[in-house]
Amino acid sequence: MLLLQSHSRFLLQTLLNRVQNLDKAVELDYQWVEFDDVRYHVQVTMKNPHLVLLSVSLPIPPPETIFLGGLPFGAIEAIKAAYGSVVQILDPPRDGFNLTLKLNLSKLSPDEENRQALLMKVASVREVVLGAPLRVVLKHLATRTVSPGMNQLLALVHRPKESFFLIPKVF
């Protein structure tokens, strides 16, 4: 999405390594923080090596931001649209995180190109989640309507203590 960084390179590499070594029952438990204060936790158990749990903690939003259940407005719908049946949203998320996804690697396409594209989308989870309110506004702008439930001022979280503000209007 506009103004948001690209995918998490470490997350993409972790997912690619996991897919390439599915036959090896290796347990993973990684936690890291990226420079923009987004925290990730990836976990794979030996009991079920095809399932990857991915938890994401987002920067603390400004008070003007609409966060429903710890996520920006429209994030759930954006996740479902981006990942389809390969990813399941766990509710409630893991303690200390805004979002926990269960990625089923056995549902990935056997086609290398499609699989790579989907893993790139998963590695872009920050962009999908934080860009969701802007996508909702732009979708409604195209139909010349204002989204119900949107306040007059819309804050888009970019980095900690760094937001962009929009006022959706119909002309």
N, C-alpha and C. Protein backbone atom coordinates (compact mmCIF):
# COMPACT_ATOMS: atom_id res chain seq x y z
N MET A 1 0.85 -1.17 0.00
CA MET A 1 0.00 0.00 0.00
C MET A 1 0.89 1.23 0.00
N LEU A 2 0.38 2.29 -0.43
CA LEU A 2 1.08 3.56 -0.52
C LEU A 2 1.69 3.95 0.82
N LEU A 3 2.93 4.33 0.83
CA LEU A 3 3.64 4.84 1.99
C LEU A 3 3.99 3.80 3.04
N LEU A 4 3.65 2.59 2.82
CA LEU A 4 4.01 1.54 3.78
C LEU A 4 5.15 0.72 3.20
N GLN A 5 6.03 0.26 4.07
CA GLN A 5 7.18 -0.50 3.62
C GLN A 5 6.72 -1.82 2.99
N SER A 6 7.63 -2.45 2.30
CA SER A 6 7.32 -3.72 1.66
C SER A 6 7.27 -4.84 2.69
N HIS A 7 7.31 -6.02 2.23
CA HIS A 7 7.19 -7.21 3.06
C HIS A 7 8.34 -7.31 4.08
N SER A 8 8.11 -8.15 5.08
CA SER A 8 9.15 -8.45 6.06
C SER A 8 10.07 -9.50 5.44
N ARG A 9 11.27 -9.14 5.21
CA ARG A 9 12.22 -10.06 4.55
C ARG A 9 12.51 -11.27 5.43
N PHE A 10 12.63 -11.05 6.73
CA PHE A 10 12.90 -12.18 7.62
C PHE A 10 11.71 -13.14 7.66
N LEU A 11 10.50 -12.60 7.68
CA LEU A 11 9.31 -13.45 7.67
C LEU A 11 9.22 -14.23 6.36
N LEU A 12 9.47 -13.57 5.24
CA LEU A 12 9.44 -14.27 3.95
C LEU A 12 10.47 -15.39 3.92
N GLN A 13 11.68 -15.13 4.36
CA GLN A 13 12.72 -16.16 4.36
C GLN A 13 12.35 -17.32 5.28
N THR A 14 11.77 -17.01 6.43
CA THR A 14 11.33 -18.05 7.37
C THR A 14 10.26 -18.93 6.73
N LEU A 15 9.28 -18.31 6.07
CA LEU A 15 8.21 -19.08 5.42
C LEU A 15 8.74 -19.91 4.26
N LEU A 16 9.62 -19.34 3.46
CA LEU A 16 10.21 -20.10 2.34
C LEU A 16 11.00 -21.30 2.84
N ASN A 17 11.80 -21.11 3.89
CA ASN A 17 12.55 -22.22 4.47
C ASN A 17 11.62 -23.30 5.01
N ARG A 18 10.53 -22.88 5.62
CA ARG A 18 9.57 -23.84 6.18
C ARG A 18 8.94 -24.66 5.06
N VAL A 19 8.53 -24.00 3.96
CA VAL A 19 7.89 -24.69 2.84
C VAL A 19 8.87 -25.65 2.18
N GLN A 20 10.13 -25.26 2.05
CA GLN A 20 11.12 -26.11 1.41
C GLN A 20 11.51 -27.30 2.28
N ASN A 21 11.25 -27.24 3.57
CA ASN A 21 11.63 -28.31 4.48
C ASN A 21 10.44 -28.90 5.22
N LEU A 22 9.31 -29.01 4.54
CA LEU A 22 8.10 -29.54 5.17
C LEU A 22 8.27 -30.98 5.64
N ASP A 23 9.06 -31.75 4.92
CA ASP A 23 9.26 -33.14 5.29
C ASP A 23 10.09 -33.30 6.56
N LYS A 24 10.80 -32.27 6.94
CA LYS A 24 11.60 -32.30 8.16
C LYS A 24 10.79 -31.72 9.31
N ALA A 25 10.57 -32.51 10.30
CA ALA A 25 9.79 -32.05 11.46
C ALA A 25 10.69 -31.24 12.38
N VAL A 26 10.79 -29.96 12.08
CA VAL A 26 11.63 -29.06 12.85
C VAL A 26 10.73 -28.07 13.57
N GLU A 27 10.99 -27.88 14.84
CA GLU A 27 10.21 -26.94 15.63
C GLU A 27 10.80 -25.54 15.48
N LEU A 28 9.93 -24.55 15.27
CA LEU A 28 10.36 -23.16 15.15
C LEU A 28 9.67 -22.33 16.22
N ASP A 29 10.38 -21.37 16.74
CA ASP A 29 9.80 -20.41 17.69
C ASP A 29 10.65 -19.15 17.63
N TYR A 30 10.28 -18.24 16.70
CA TYR A 30 11.04 -17.01 16.48
C TYR A 30 10.21 -15.81 16.92
N GLN A 31 10.88 -14.86 17.54
CA GLN A 31 10.28 -13.56 17.83
C GLN A 31 11.27 -12.49 17.41
N TRP A 32 10.78 -11.43 16.77
CA TRP A 32 11.63 -10.32 16.39
C TRP A 32 10.79 -9.05 16.26
N VAL A 33 11.49 -7.93 16.31
CA VAL A 33 10.86 -6.62 16.17
C VAL A 33 11.52 -5.92 15.00
N GLU A 34 10.70 -5.36 14.12
CA GLU A 34 11.24 -4.59 13.02
C GLU A 34 11.36 -3.13 13.43
N PHE A 35 12.11 -2.36 12.65
CA PHE A 35 12.45 -1.00 13.03
C PHE A 35 11.23 -0.12 13.28
N ASP A 36 10.09 -0.45 12.69
CA ASP A 36 8.91 0.39 12.83
C ASP A 36 8.01 -0.06 13.99
N ASP A 37 8.58 -0.82 14.93
CA ASP A 37 7.90 -1.23 16.15
C ASP A 37 6.81 -2.28 15.91
N VAL A 38 6.91 -3.02 14.82
CA VAL A 38 6.02 -4.14 14.57
C VAL A 38 6.73 -5.38 15.07
N ARG A 39 6.06 -6.12 15.95
CA ARG A 39 6.66 -7.31 16.55
C ARG A 39 5.99 -8.55 15.94
N TYR A 40 6.81 -9.54 15.62
CA TYR A 40 6.33 -10.79 15.02
C TYR A 40 6.70 -11.97 15.92
N HIS A 41 5.88 -13.01 15.85
CA HIS A 41 6.19 -14.28 16.51
C HIS A 41 5.73 -15.39 15.57
N VAL A 42 6.66 -16.25 15.16
CA VAL A 42 6.36 -17.39 14.29
C VAL A 42 6.61 -18.65 15.08
N GLN A 43 5.65 -19.56 15.02
CA GLN A 43 5.78 -20.81 15.77
C GLN A 43 5.28 -21.98 14.93
N VAL A 44 6.08 -23.03 14.89
CA VAL A 44 5.73 -24.29 14.23
C VAL A 44 6.09 -25.41 15.21
N THR A 45 5.17 -26.35 15.41
CA THR A 45 5.45 -27.46 16.31
C THR A 45 5.77 -28.72 15.50
N MET A 46 6.48 -29.64 16.11
CA MET A 46 6.81 -30.90 15.45
C MET A 46 5.57 -31.77 15.30
N LYS A 47 4.61 -31.57 16.17
CA LYS A 47 3.36 -32.35 16.13
C LYS A 47 2.56 -32.05 14.86
N ASN A 48 2.59 -30.80 14.40
CA ASN A 48 1.85 -30.41 13.21
C ASN A 48 2.71 -29.47 12.36
N PRO A 49 3.66 -30.01 11.59
CA PRO A 49 4.62 -29.17 10.86
C PRO A 49 4.03 -28.39 9.69
N HIS A 50 2.79 -28.69 9.29
CA HIS A 50 2.15 -27.97 8.18
C HIS A 50 1.47 -26.68 8.63
N LEU A 51 1.33 -26.49 9.93
CA LEU A 51 0.67 -25.30 10.46
C LEU A 51 1.70 -24.32 11.02
N VAL A 52 1.60 -23.08 10.60
CA VAL A 52 2.46 -22.01 11.09
C VAL A 52 1.57 -21.00 11.80
N LEU A 53 1.91 -20.71 13.06
CA LEU A 53 1.21 -19.65 13.79
C LEU A 53 2.02 -18.38 13.67
N LEU A 54 1.40 -17.33 13.16
CA LEU A 54 2.05 -16.04 12.98
C LEU A 54 1.28 -15.00 13.79
N SER A 55 1.96 -14.41 14.76
CA SER A 55 1.35 -13.36 15.57
C SER A 55 2.03 -12.04 15.25
N VAL A 56 1.22 -10.96 15.23
CA VAL A 56 1.72 -9.64 14.88
C VAL A 56 1.24 -8.64 15.92
N SER A 57 2.17 -7.84 16.42
CA SER A 57 1.84 -6.75 17.34
C SER A 57 2.14 -5.45 16.61
N LEU A 58 1.14 -4.57 16.54
CA LEU A 58 1.25 -3.33 15.79
C LEU A 58 1.67 -2.17 16.68
N PRO A 59 2.18 -1.09 16.07
CA PRO A 59 2.52 0.09 16.87
C PRO A 59 1.27 0.62 17.58
N ILE A 60 1.46 1.27 18.70
CA ILE A 60 0.33 1.84 19.44
C ILE A 60 -0.25 2.97 18.60
N PRO A 61 -1.55 2.89 18.31
CA PRO A 61 -2.15 3.91 17.45
C PRO A 61 -2.45 5.20 18.21
N PRO A 62 -2.55 6.32 17.48
CA PRO A 62 -2.97 7.55 18.14
C PRO A 62 -4.43 7.43 18.58
N PRO A 63 -4.86 8.24 19.53
CA PRO A 63 -6.23 8.13 20.04
C PRO A 63 -7.30 8.34 18.97
N GLU A 64 -6.97 9.04 17.90
CA GLU A 64 -7.96 9.32 16.84
C GLU A 64 -8.22 8.11 15.94
N THR A 65 -7.41 7.09 16.05
CA THR A 65 -7.49 5.93 15.16
C THR A 65 -8.63 5.01 15.56
N ILE A 66 -9.29 4.45 14.56
CA ILE A 66 -10.35 3.48 14.80
C ILE A 66 -9.72 2.10 14.82
N PHE A 67 -9.59 1.51 16.00
CA PHE A 67 -9.08 0.15 16.14
C PHE A 67 -10.20 -0.67 16.75
N LEU A 68 -10.71 -1.64 16.02
CA LEU A 68 -11.78 -2.50 16.51
C LEU A 68 -11.19 -3.83 16.92
N GLY A 69 -11.27 -4.18 18.19
CA GLY A 69 -10.69 -5.43 18.66
C GLY A 69 -9.19 -5.48 18.49
N GLY A 70 -8.52 -4.33 18.56
CA GLY A 70 -7.07 -4.29 18.45
C GLY A 70 -6.55 -4.17 17.03
N LEU A 71 -7.44 -4.10 16.04
CA LEU A 71 -7.04 -4.01 14.64
C LEU A 71 -7.66 -2.78 13.98
N PRO A 72 -7.00 -2.22 12.96
CA PRO A 72 -7.57 -1.08 12.25
C PRO A 72 -8.88 -1.44 11.56
N PHE A 73 -9.68 -0.42 11.30
CA PHE A 73 -10.96 -0.57 10.62
C PHE A 73 -10.76 -1.29 9.28
N GLY A 74 -11.50 -2.36 9.03
CA GLY A 74 -11.44 -3.09 7.77
C GLY A 74 -10.35 -4.14 7.68
N ALA A 75 -9.58 -4.35 8.76
CA ALA A 75 -8.44 -5.28 8.70
C ALA A 75 -8.88 -6.73 8.51
N ILE A 76 -9.91 -7.15 9.21
CA ILE A 76 -10.37 -8.55 9.10
C ILE A 76 -10.77 -8.87 7.67
N GLU A 77 -11.54 -7.98 7.06
CA GLU A 77 -11.97 -8.19 5.68
C GLU A 77 -10.79 -8.19 4.72
N ALA A 78 -9.81 -7.31 4.98
CA ALA A 78 -8.62 -7.25 4.12
C ALA A 78 -7.81 -8.54 4.21
N ILE A 79 -7.70 -9.10 5.41
CA ILE A 79 -6.96 -10.36 5.60
C ILE A 79 -7.66 -11.49 4.86
N LYS A 80 -8.98 -11.58 5.00
CA LYS A 80 -9.74 -12.64 4.32
C LYS A 80 -9.62 -12.52 2.80
N ALA A 81 -9.66 -11.28 2.30
CA ALA A 81 -9.55 -11.07 0.85
C ALA A 81 -8.15 -11.38 0.34
N ALA A 82 -7.13 -11.05 1.12
CA ALA A 82 -5.75 -11.25 0.67
C ALA A 82 -5.31 -12.71 0.71
N TYR A 83 -5.75 -13.46 1.73
CA TYR A 83 -5.20 -14.79 1.96
C TYR A 83 -6.16 -15.93 1.72
N GLY A 84 -7.43 -15.67 1.66
CA GLY A 84 -8.41 -16.72 1.39
C GLY A 84 -8.40 -17.82 2.43
N SER A 85 -8.53 -19.06 1.97
CA SER A 85 -8.67 -20.20 2.87
C SER A 85 -7.34 -20.71 3.42
N VAL A 86 -6.24 -20.18 2.95
CA VAL A 86 -4.93 -20.63 3.41
C VAL A 86 -4.65 -20.15 4.84
N VAL A 87 -5.24 -19.00 5.18
CA VAL A 87 -4.99 -18.39 6.49
C VAL A 87 -6.28 -18.31 7.29
N GLN A 88 -6.19 -18.66 8.55
CA GLN A 88 -7.32 -18.56 9.47
C GLN A 88 -6.95 -17.57 10.57
N ILE A 89 -7.87 -16.67 10.90
CA ILE A 89 -7.65 -15.70 11.97
C ILE A 89 -8.06 -16.35 13.28
N LEU A 90 -7.14 -16.38 14.24
CA LEU A 90 -7.44 -16.96 15.54
C LEU A 90 -7.97 -15.87 16.46
N ASP A 91 -9.08 -16.18 17.12
CA ASP A 91 -9.68 -15.22 18.04
C ASP A 91 -9.89 -15.89 19.38
N PRO A 92 -9.31 -15.43 20.42
CA PRO A 92 -8.51 -14.22 20.56
C PRO A 92 -7.08 -14.46 20.10
N PRO A 93 -6.37 -13.37 19.77
CA PRO A 93 -4.97 -13.52 19.38
C PRO A 93 -4.11 -13.89 20.59
N ARG A 94 -2.91 -14.33 20.32
CA ARG A 94 -1.95 -14.66 21.37
C ARG A 94 -1.76 -13.43 22.26
N ASP A 95 -1.57 -13.65 23.56
CA ASP A 95 -1.38 -12.55 24.51
C ASP A 95 -0.25 -11.63 24.08
N GLY A 96 -0.51 -10.34 24.11
CA GLY A 96 0.50 -9.34 23.77
C GLY A 96 0.56 -9.02 22.29
N PHE A 97 -0.33 -9.63 21.47
CA PHE A 97 -0.34 -9.39 20.04
C PHE A 97 -1.72 -8.93 19.60
N ASN A 98 -1.76 -8.17 18.50
CA ASN A 98 -3.03 -7.69 17.95
C ASN A 98 -3.70 -8.72 17.06
N LEU A 99 -2.90 -9.60 16.48
CA LEU A 99 -3.41 -10.53 15.47
C LEU A 99 -2.61 -11.82 15.51
N THR A 100 -3.32 -12.95 15.44
CA THR A 100 -2.67 -14.26 15.29
C THR A 100 -3.32 -14.97 14.12
N LEU A 101 -2.49 -15.40 13.18
CA LEU A 101 -2.95 -16.12 11.99
C LEU A 101 -2.43 -17.54 12.02
N LYS A 102 -3.26 -18.47 11.56
CA LYS A 102 -2.83 -19.85 11.40
C LYS A 102 -2.73 -20.10 9.90
N LEU A 103 -1.51 -20.34 9.44
CA LEU A 103 -1.22 -20.56 8.02
C LEU A 103 -1.07 -22.06 7.79
N ASN A 104 -1.92 -22.60 6.93
CA ASN A 104 -1.89 -24.03 6.61
C ASN A 104 -1.08 -24.22 5.33
N LEU A 105 0.16 -24.67 5.48
CA LEU A 105 1.05 -24.82 4.33
C LEU A 105 0.61 -25.93 3.39
N SER A 106 -0.20 -26.87 3.85
CA SER A 106 -0.67 -27.94 2.98
C SER A 106 -1.70 -27.42 1.97
N LYS A 107 -2.26 -26.24 2.20
CA LYS A 107 -3.23 -25.65 1.27
C LYS A 107 -2.58 -24.75 0.23
N LEU A 108 -1.25 -24.61 0.28
CA LEU A 108 -0.56 -23.79 -0.71
C LEU A 108 -0.62 -24.44 -2.08
N SER A 109 -0.64 -23.62 -3.10
CA SER A 109 -0.67 -24.11 -4.47
C SER A 109 0.61 -24.89 -4.79
N PRO A 110 0.50 -25.98 -5.55
CA PRO A 110 1.71 -26.71 -5.94
C PRO A 110 2.55 -25.92 -6.95
N ASP A 111 1.92 -24.95 -7.62
CA ASP A 111 2.63 -24.11 -8.58
C ASP A 111 3.58 -23.17 -7.84
N GLU A 112 4.85 -23.23 -8.18
CA GLU A 112 5.90 -22.46 -7.50
C GLU A 112 5.62 -20.95 -7.52
N GLU A 113 5.18 -20.43 -8.67
CA GLU A 113 4.94 -18.99 -8.80
C GLU A 113 3.79 -18.53 -7.90
N ASN A 114 2.69 -19.28 -7.89
CA ASN A 114 1.54 -18.92 -7.05
C ASN A 114 1.89 -19.04 -5.57
N ARG A 115 2.64 -20.06 -5.22
CA ARG A 115 3.05 -20.26 -3.84
C ARG A 115 3.94 -19.10 -3.38
N GLN A 116 4.89 -18.71 -4.22
CA GLN A 116 5.79 -17.60 -3.91
C GLN A 116 5.00 -16.30 -3.73
N ALA A 117 4.02 -16.06 -4.60
CA ALA A 117 3.20 -14.85 -4.52
C ALA A 117 2.40 -14.81 -3.22
N LEU A 118 1.84 -15.95 -2.82
CA LEU A 118 1.06 -15.99 -1.59
C LEU A 118 1.95 -15.80 -0.36
N LEU A 119 3.12 -16.42 -0.36
CA LEU A 119 4.04 -16.23 0.77
C LEU A 119 4.51 -14.78 0.85
N MET A 120 4.67 -14.13 -0.29
CA MET A 120 5.03 -12.71 -0.30
C MET A 120 3.90 -11.88 0.31
N LYS A 121 2.65 -12.24 0.01
CA LYS A 121 1.50 -11.54 0.61
C LYS A 121 1.48 -11.75 2.12
N VAL A 122 1.75 -12.97 2.56
CA VAL A 122 1.76 -13.25 4.00
C VAL A 122 2.87 -12.44 4.67
N ALA A 123 4.01 -12.34 4.03
CA ALA A 123 5.12 -11.55 4.58
C ALA A 123 4.80 -10.06 4.58
N SER A 124 3.76 -9.66 3.84
CA SER A 124 3.30 -8.27 3.80
C SER A 124 2.11 -8.04 4.72
N VAL A 125 1.96 -8.85 5.74
CA VAL A 125 0.80 -8.76 6.62
C VAL A 125 0.68 -7.38 7.26
N ARG A 126 1.79 -6.76 7.57
CA ARG A 126 1.76 -5.41 8.15
C ARG A 126 1.07 -4.44 7.20
N GLU A 127 1.45 -4.50 5.94
CA GLU A 127 0.86 -3.64 4.93
C GLU A 127 -0.63 -3.91 4.76
N VAL A 128 -1.03 -5.19 4.75
CA VAL A 128 -2.43 -5.56 4.58
C VAL A 128 -3.26 -5.02 5.74
N VAL A 129 -2.76 -5.19 6.96
CA VAL A 129 -3.52 -4.79 8.15
C VAL A 129 -3.56 -3.27 8.32
N LEU A 130 -2.40 -2.63 8.27
CA LEU A 130 -2.37 -1.18 8.50
C LEU A 130 -2.92 -0.39 7.31
N GLY A 131 -2.91 -0.96 6.13
CA GLY A 131 -3.46 -0.29 4.96
C GLY A 131 -4.94 -0.50 4.75
N ALA A 132 -5.57 -1.33 5.58
CA ALA A 132 -6.99 -1.66 5.42
C ALA A 132 -7.90 -0.43 5.46
N PRO A 133 -7.74 0.49 6.42
CA PRO A 133 -8.64 1.65 6.41
C PRO A 133 -8.55 2.49 5.13
N LEU A 134 -7.35 2.64 4.60
CA LEU A 134 -7.19 3.40 3.36
C LEU A 134 -7.88 2.67 2.20
N ARG A 135 -7.77 1.35 2.16
CA ARG A 135 -8.45 0.58 1.11
C ARG A 135 -9.96 0.77 1.18
N VAL A 136 -10.51 0.77 2.41
CA VAL A 136 -11.95 0.96 2.58
C VAL A 136 -12.36 2.34 2.08
N VAL A 137 -11.60 3.37 2.46
CA VAL A 137 -11.92 4.73 2.03
C VAL A 137 -11.84 4.85 0.51
N LEU A 138 -10.80 4.30 -0.09
CA LEU A 138 -10.64 4.40 -1.55
C LEU A 138 -11.73 3.62 -2.29
N LYS A 139 -12.15 2.49 -1.75
CA LYS A 139 -13.22 1.71 -2.36
C LYS A 139 -14.52 2.50 -2.35
N HIS A 140 -14.81 3.15 -1.22
CA HIS A 140 -16.03 3.95 -1.13
C HIS A 140 -15.92 5.23 -1.94
N LEU A 141 -14.74 5.76 -2.07
CA LEU A 141 -14.53 6.95 -2.90
C LEU A 141 -14.86 6.64 -4.36
N ALA A 142 -14.49 5.45 -4.80
CA ALA A 142 -14.77 5.04 -6.18
C ALA A 142 -16.27 4.95 -6.44
N THR A 143 -17.04 4.61 -5.41
CA THR A 143 -18.50 4.51 -5.57
C THR A 143 -19.20 5.80 -5.12
N ARG A 144 -18.41 6.80 -4.75
CA ARG A 144 -18.91 8.10 -4.29
C ARG A 144 -19.82 7.99 -3.07
N THR A 145 -19.41 7.16 -2.13
CA THR A 145 -20.12 7.02 -0.86
C THR A 145 -19.12 7.14 0.27
N VAL A 146 -19.61 7.36 1.47
CA VAL A 146 -18.76 7.37 2.66
C VAL A 146 -19.07 6.10 3.42
N SER A 147 -18.05 5.41 3.83
CA SER A 147 -18.21 4.15 4.53
C SER A 147 -18.95 4.35 5.86
N PRO A 148 -19.97 3.52 6.13
CA PRO A 148 -20.63 3.62 7.42
C PRO A 148 -19.67 3.22 8.54
N GLY A 149 -19.75 3.91 9.65
CA GLY A 149 -18.87 3.59 10.77
C GLY A 149 -17.57 4.36 10.75
N MET A 150 -17.29 5.11 9.69
CA MET A 150 -16.07 5.91 9.61
C MET A 150 -16.34 7.27 10.22
N ASN A 151 -15.51 7.67 11.13
CA ASN A 151 -15.61 9.03 11.67
C ASN A 151 -15.16 10.01 10.61
N GLN A 152 -15.34 11.28 10.85
CA GLN A 152 -14.91 12.29 9.89
C GLN A 152 -13.40 12.27 9.70
N LEU A 153 -12.66 12.05 10.78
CA LEU A 153 -11.20 12.05 10.70
C LEU A 153 -10.71 10.60 10.75
N LEU A 154 -9.93 10.22 9.77
CA LEU A 154 -9.40 8.86 9.71
C LEU A 154 -7.89 8.91 9.86
N ALA A 155 -7.36 8.24 10.87
CA ALA A 155 -5.92 8.20 11.10
C ALA A 155 -5.36 6.88 10.59
N LEU A 156 -4.34 6.96 9.76
CA LEU A 156 -3.65 5.77 9.24
C LEU A 156 -2.30 5.69 9.93
N VAL A 157 -2.09 4.61 10.68
CA VAL A 157 -0.84 4.44 11.42
C VAL A 157 0.26 4.09 10.43
N HIS A 158 1.35 4.81 10.49
CA HIS A 158 2.49 4.54 9.61
C HIS A 158 3.64 3.95 10.42
N ARG A 159 4.04 4.65 11.44
CA ARG A 159 5.07 4.23 12.39
C ARG A 159 4.64 4.72 13.75
N PRO A 160 5.31 4.28 14.81
CA PRO A 160 4.93 4.80 16.12
C PRO A 160 4.99 6.34 16.13
N LYS A 161 3.93 6.93 16.60
CA LYS A 161 3.81 8.39 16.70
C LYS A 161 3.88 9.07 15.35
N GLU A 162 3.61 8.34 14.27
CA GLU A 162 3.60 8.89 12.91
C GLU A 162 2.37 8.37 12.20
N SER A 163 1.39 9.23 11.99
CA SER A 163 0.17 8.84 11.31
C SER A 163 -0.13 9.81 10.18
N PHE A 164 -0.95 9.35 9.25
CA PHE A 164 -1.48 10.19 8.19
C PHE A 164 -2.97 10.32 8.45
N PHE A 165 -3.52 11.49 8.20
CA PHE A 165 -4.92 11.72 8.49
C PHE A 165 -5.67 12.04 7.21
N LEU A 166 -6.87 11.45 7.09
CA LEU A 166 -7.74 11.66 5.94
C LEU A 166 -9.10 12.09 6.44
N ILE A 167 -9.78 12.88 5.62
CA ILE A 167 -11.17 13.22 5.89
C ILE A 167 -11.93 12.75 4.65
N PRO A 168 -12.66 11.62 4.75
CA PRO A 168 -13.42 11.13 3.59
C PRO A 168 -14.63 12.04 3.33
N LYS A 169 -14.76 12.50 2.10
CA LYS A 169 -15.88 13.36 1.72
C LYS A 169 -16.39 12.91 0.35
N VAL A 170 -17.68 13.07 0.15
CA VAL A 170 -18.30 12.78 -1.12
C VAL A 170 -18.63 14.12 -1.77
N PHE A 171 -18.23 14.26 -3.03
CA PHE A 171 -18.48 15.52 -3.72
C PHE A 171 -19.65 15.40 -4.67
